[in-house]
C-alpha atoms as a PDB file:
ATOM      1  CA  UNK A   1     -90.335  29.119 -23.640  1.00  0.00           C
ATOM      2  CA  UNK A   2     -86.959  29.344 -25.383  1.00  0.00           C
ATOM      3  CA  UNK A   3     -83.930  27.895 -23.652  1.00  0.00           C
ATOM      4  CA  UNK A   4     -80.306  27.658 -24.722  1.00  0.00           C
ATOM      5  CA  UNK A   5     -77.460  25.367 -23.778  1.00  0.00           C
ATOM      6  CA  UNK A   6     -73.888  26.062 -24.794  1.00  0.00           C
ATOM      7  CA  UNK A   7     -71.230  23.375 -25.045  1.00  0.00           C
ATOM      8  CA  UNK A   8     -67.772  22.836 -26.444  1.00  0.00           C
ATOM      9  CA  UNK A   9     -65.705  24.986 -24.139  1.00  0.00           C
ATOM     10  CA  UNK A  10     -62.364  23.584 -23.039  1.00  0.00           C
ATOM     11  CA  UNK A  11     -58.739  24.272 -22.217  1.00  0.00           C
ATOM     12  CA  UNK A  12     -56.695  24.588 -25.403  1.00  0.00           C
ATOM     13  CA  UNK A  13     -53.225  25.768 -26.323  1.00  0.00           C
ATOM     14  CA  UNK A  14     -52.671  28.961 -28.248  1.00  0.00           C
ATOM     15  CA  UNK A  15     -53.039  28.348 -31.958  1.00  0.00           C
ATOM     16  CA  UNK A  16     -55.583  25.594 -31.410  1.00  0.00           C
ATOM     17  CA  UNK A  17     -59.230  25.349 -32.370  1.00  0.00           C
ATOM     18  CA  UNK A  18     -62.558  24.812 -30.666  1.00  0.00           C
ATOM     19  CA  UNK A  19     -66.128  24.584 -31.908  1.00  0.00           C
ATOM     20  CA  UNK A  20     -68.816  25.881 -29.586  1.00  0.00           C
ATOM     21  CA  UNK A  21     -72.444  24.823 -29.901  1.00  0.00           C
ATOM     22  CA  UNK A  22     -75.593  26.650 -28.831  1.00  0.00           C
ATOM     23  CA  UNK A  23     -78.545  24.282 -28.866  1.00  0.00           C
ATOM     24  CA  UNK A  24     -81.973  25.913 -28.699  1.00  0.00           C
ATOM     25  CA  UNK A  25     -85.271  24.441 -27.584  1.00  0.00           C
ATOM     26  CA  UNK A  26     -88.667  26.107 -27.723  1.00  0.00           C
ATOM     27  CA  UNK A  27     -87.756  28.372 -30.627  1.00  0.00           C
ATOM     28  CA  UNK A  28     -86.162  28.105 -34.043  1.00  0.00           C
ATOM     29  CA  UNK A  29     -82.703  29.584 -34.477  1.00  0.00           C
ATOM     30  CA  UNK A  30     -83.576  30.399 -38.089  1.00  0.00           C
ATOM     31  CA  UNK A  31     -86.115  33.080 -37.128  1.00  0.00           C
ATOM     32  CA  UNK A  32     -83.979  34.855 -34.537  1.00  0.00           C
ATOM     33  CA  UNK A  33     -80.805  36.869 -34.263  1.00  0.00           C
ATOM     34  CA  UNK A  34     -78.414  34.621 -32.381  1.00  0.00           C
ATOM     35  CA  UNK A  35     -75.196  35.971 -31.026  1.00  0.00           C
ATOM     36  CA  UNK A  36     -72.127  34.675 -29.270  1.00  0.00           C
ATOM     37  CA  UNK A  37     -70.825  36.913 -26.511  1.00  0.00           C
ATOM     38  CA  UNK A  38     -67.880  36.525 -24.169  1.00  0.00           C
ATOM     39  CA  UNK A  39     -66.984  37.809 -20.752  1.00  0.00           C
ATOM     40  CA  UNK A  40     -63.503  37.687 -19.283  1.00  0.00           C
ATOM     41  CA  UNK A  41     -62.958  38.067 -15.515  1.00  0.00           C
ATOM     42  CA  UNK A  42     -63.480  41.653 -14.436  1.00  0.00           C
ATOM     43  CA  UNK A  43     -64.672  42.736 -17.871  1.00  0.00           C
ATOM     44  CA  UNK A  44     -68.023  43.407 -19.459  1.00  0.00           C
ATOM     45  CA  UNK A  45     -69.821  40.955 -21.700  1.00  0.00           C
ATOM     46  CA  UNK A  46     -69.116  41.783 -25.349  1.00  0.00           C
ATOM     47  CA  UNK A  47     -70.484  40.595 -28.656  1.00  0.00           C
ATOM     48  CA  UNK A  48     -68.162  38.277 -30.585  1.00  0.00           C
ATOM     49  CA  UNK A  49     -70.310  37.260 -33.551  1.00  0.00           C
ATOM     50  CA  UNK A  50     -73.938  37.087 -34.549  1.00  0.00           C
ATOM     51  CA  UNK A  51     -76.126  35.669 -37.296  1.00  0.00           C
ATOM     52  CA  UNK A  52     -79.499  37.095 -38.271  1.00  0.00           C
ATOM     53  CA  UNK A  53     -82.578  35.370 -39.610  1.00  0.00           C
ATOM     54  CA  UNK A  54     -81.414  36.486 -43.074  1.00  0.00           C
ATOM     55  CA  UNK A  55     -78.077  34.753 -42.482  1.00  0.00           C
ATOM     56  CA  UNK A  56     -76.175  38.018 -42.258  1.00  0.00           C
ATOM     57  CA  UNK A  57     -73.134  37.638 -40.041  1.00  0.00           C
ATOM     58  CA  UNK A  58     -71.223  40.136 -37.954  1.00  0.00           C
ATOM     59  CA  UNK A  59     -67.892  39.749 -36.172  1.00  0.00           C
ATOM     60  CA  UNK A  60     -65.937  41.878 -33.766  1.00  0.00           C
ATOM     61  CA  UNK A  61     -62.680  42.997 -35.379  1.00  0.00           C
ATOM     62  CA  UNK A  62     -60.497  40.971 -33.019  1.00  0.00           C
ATOM     63  CA  UNK A  63     -61.917  37.645 -34.273  1.00  0.00           C
ATOM     64  CA  UNK A  64     -62.392  38.371 -37.973  1.00  0.00           C
ATOM     65  CA  UNK A  65     -60.680  35.735 -40.060  1.00  0.00           C
ATOM     66  CA  UNK A  66     -60.371  33.390 -37.077  1.00  0.00           C
ATOM     67  CA  UNK A  67     -63.951  32.720 -35.934  1.00  0.00           C
ATOM     68  CA  UNK A  68     -66.909  31.574 -38.003  1.00  0.00           C
ATOM     69  CA  UNK A  69     -70.537  31.566 -36.900  1.00  0.00           C
ATOM     70  CA  UNK A  70     -72.983  29.174 -38.554  1.00  0.00           C
ATOM     71  CA  UNK A  71     -76.269  27.423 -37.864  1.00  0.00           C
ATOM     72  CA  UNK A  72     -77.905  24.100 -38.567  1.00  0.00           C
ATOM     73  CA  UNK A  73     -81.655  24.175 -39.107  1.00  0.00           C
ATOM     74  CA  UNK A  74     -82.133  20.456 -38.505  1.00  0.00           C
ATOM     75  CA  UNK A  75     -80.154  20.516 -35.246  1.00  0.00           C
ATOM     76  CA  UNK A  76     -81.602  23.912 -34.265  1.00  0.00           C
ATOM     77  CA  UNK A  77     -78.102  24.832 -33.209  1.00  0.00           C
ATOM     78  CA  UNK A  78     -75.775  27.783 -33.786  1.00  0.00           C
ATOM     79  CA  UNK A  79     -72.051  27.093 -33.857  1.00  0.00           C
ATOM     80  CA  UNK A  80     -68.943  29.169 -33.325  1.00  0.00           C
ATOM     81  CA  UNK A  81     -65.853  27.713 -34.965  1.00  0.00           C
ATOM     82  CA  UNK A  82     -62.805  29.269 -33.334  1.00  0.00           C
ATOM     83  CA  UNK A  83     -59.408  28.857 -34.979  1.00  0.00           C
ATOM     84  CA  UNK A  84     -55.981  30.299 -34.229  1.00  0.00           C
ATOM     85  CA  UNK A  85     -57.003  30.836 -30.643  1.00  0.00           C
ATOM     86  CA  UNK A  86     -55.103  33.346 -28.542  1.00  0.00           C
ATOM     87  CA  UNK A  87     -54.779  33.699 -24.763  1.00  0.00           C
ATOM     88  CA  UNK A  88     -56.874  36.862 -24.980  1.00  0.00           C
ATOM     89  CA  UNK A  89     -59.779  34.754 -26.243  1.00  0.00           C
ATOM     90  CA  UNK A  90     -60.042  33.261 -22.752  1.00  0.00           C
ATOM     91  CA  UNK A  91     -63.529  33.948 -21.389  1.00  0.00           C
ATOM     92  CA  UNK A  92     -66.911  32.491 -20.641  1.00  0.00           C
ATOM     93  CA  UNK A  93     -68.803  32.338 -23.917  1.00  0.00           C
ATOM     94  CA  UNK A  94     -72.552  32.931 -23.898  1.00  0.00           C
ATOM     95  CA  UNK A  95     -75.208  32.407 -26.535  1.00  0.00           C
ATOM     96  CA  UNK A  96     -78.024  34.951 -26.907  1.00  0.00           C
ATOM     97  CA  UNK A  97     -81.327  34.538 -28.756  1.00  0.00           C
ATOM     98  CA  UNK A  98     -83.378  37.565 -29.720  1.00  0.00           C
ATOM     99  CA  UNK A  99     -86.749  37.321 -31.423  1.00  0.00           C
ATOM    100  CA  UNK A 100     -89.792  39.442 -30.691  1.00  0.00           C
ATOM    101  CA  UNK A 101     -90.321  39.452 -26.936  1.00  0.00           C
ATOM    102  CA  UNK A 102     -87.609  36.866 -26.384  1.00  0.00           C
ATOM    103  CA  UNK A 103     -84.132  37.907 -25.234  1.00  0.00           C
ATOM    104  CA  UNK A 104     -82.666  34.686 -23.860  1.00  0.00           C
ATOM    105  CA  UNK A 105     -79.217  33.818 -22.570  1.00  0.00           C
ATOM    106  CA  UNK A 106     -77.602  30.459 -22.056  1.00  0.00           C
ATOM    107  CA  UNK A 107     -75.566  29.597 -18.940  1.00  0.00           C
ATOM    108  CA  UNK A 108     -72.242  29.887 -20.771  1.00  0.00           C
ATOM    109  CA  UNK A 109     -69.257  27.677 -21.494  1.00  0.00           C
ATOM    110  CA  UNK A 110     -65.674  28.314 -20.396  1.00  0.00           C
ATOM    111  CA  UNK A 111     -62.921  28.701 -22.975  1.00  0.00           C
ATOM    112  CA  UNK A 112     -59.366  28.871 -21.683  1.00  0.00           C
ATOM    113  CA  UNK A 113     -56.439  29.393 -24.037  1.00  0.00           C
ATOM    114  CA  UNK A 114     -53.001  28.740 -22.598  1.00  0.00           C
ATOM    115  CA  UNK A 115     -49.881  30.423 -23.934  1.00  0.00           C
END
């Protein structure tokens, strides 16, 4: 059974940086498509960035050039480096793991960017 735990969320000032971690157990992040999603209050959950098993990366336009998704095979962890943060980046950030029959979500981590 695959499970995910996100960490790294915090309160940060606009222009600051955070690095989120998504640690997986029960399944290798290198065989799956792993995505970071975010959900602001009253809004739907949207994809922010994802990395495929072939290491292809995708970003939503609003974070291109500011966010970087990466993974560490040894740590079995996917990261989201977030730079030049803006108040509109405030949301709960969720990690998602998709491989075969698995479509797993983590509990989320709160990111709050103050202006």
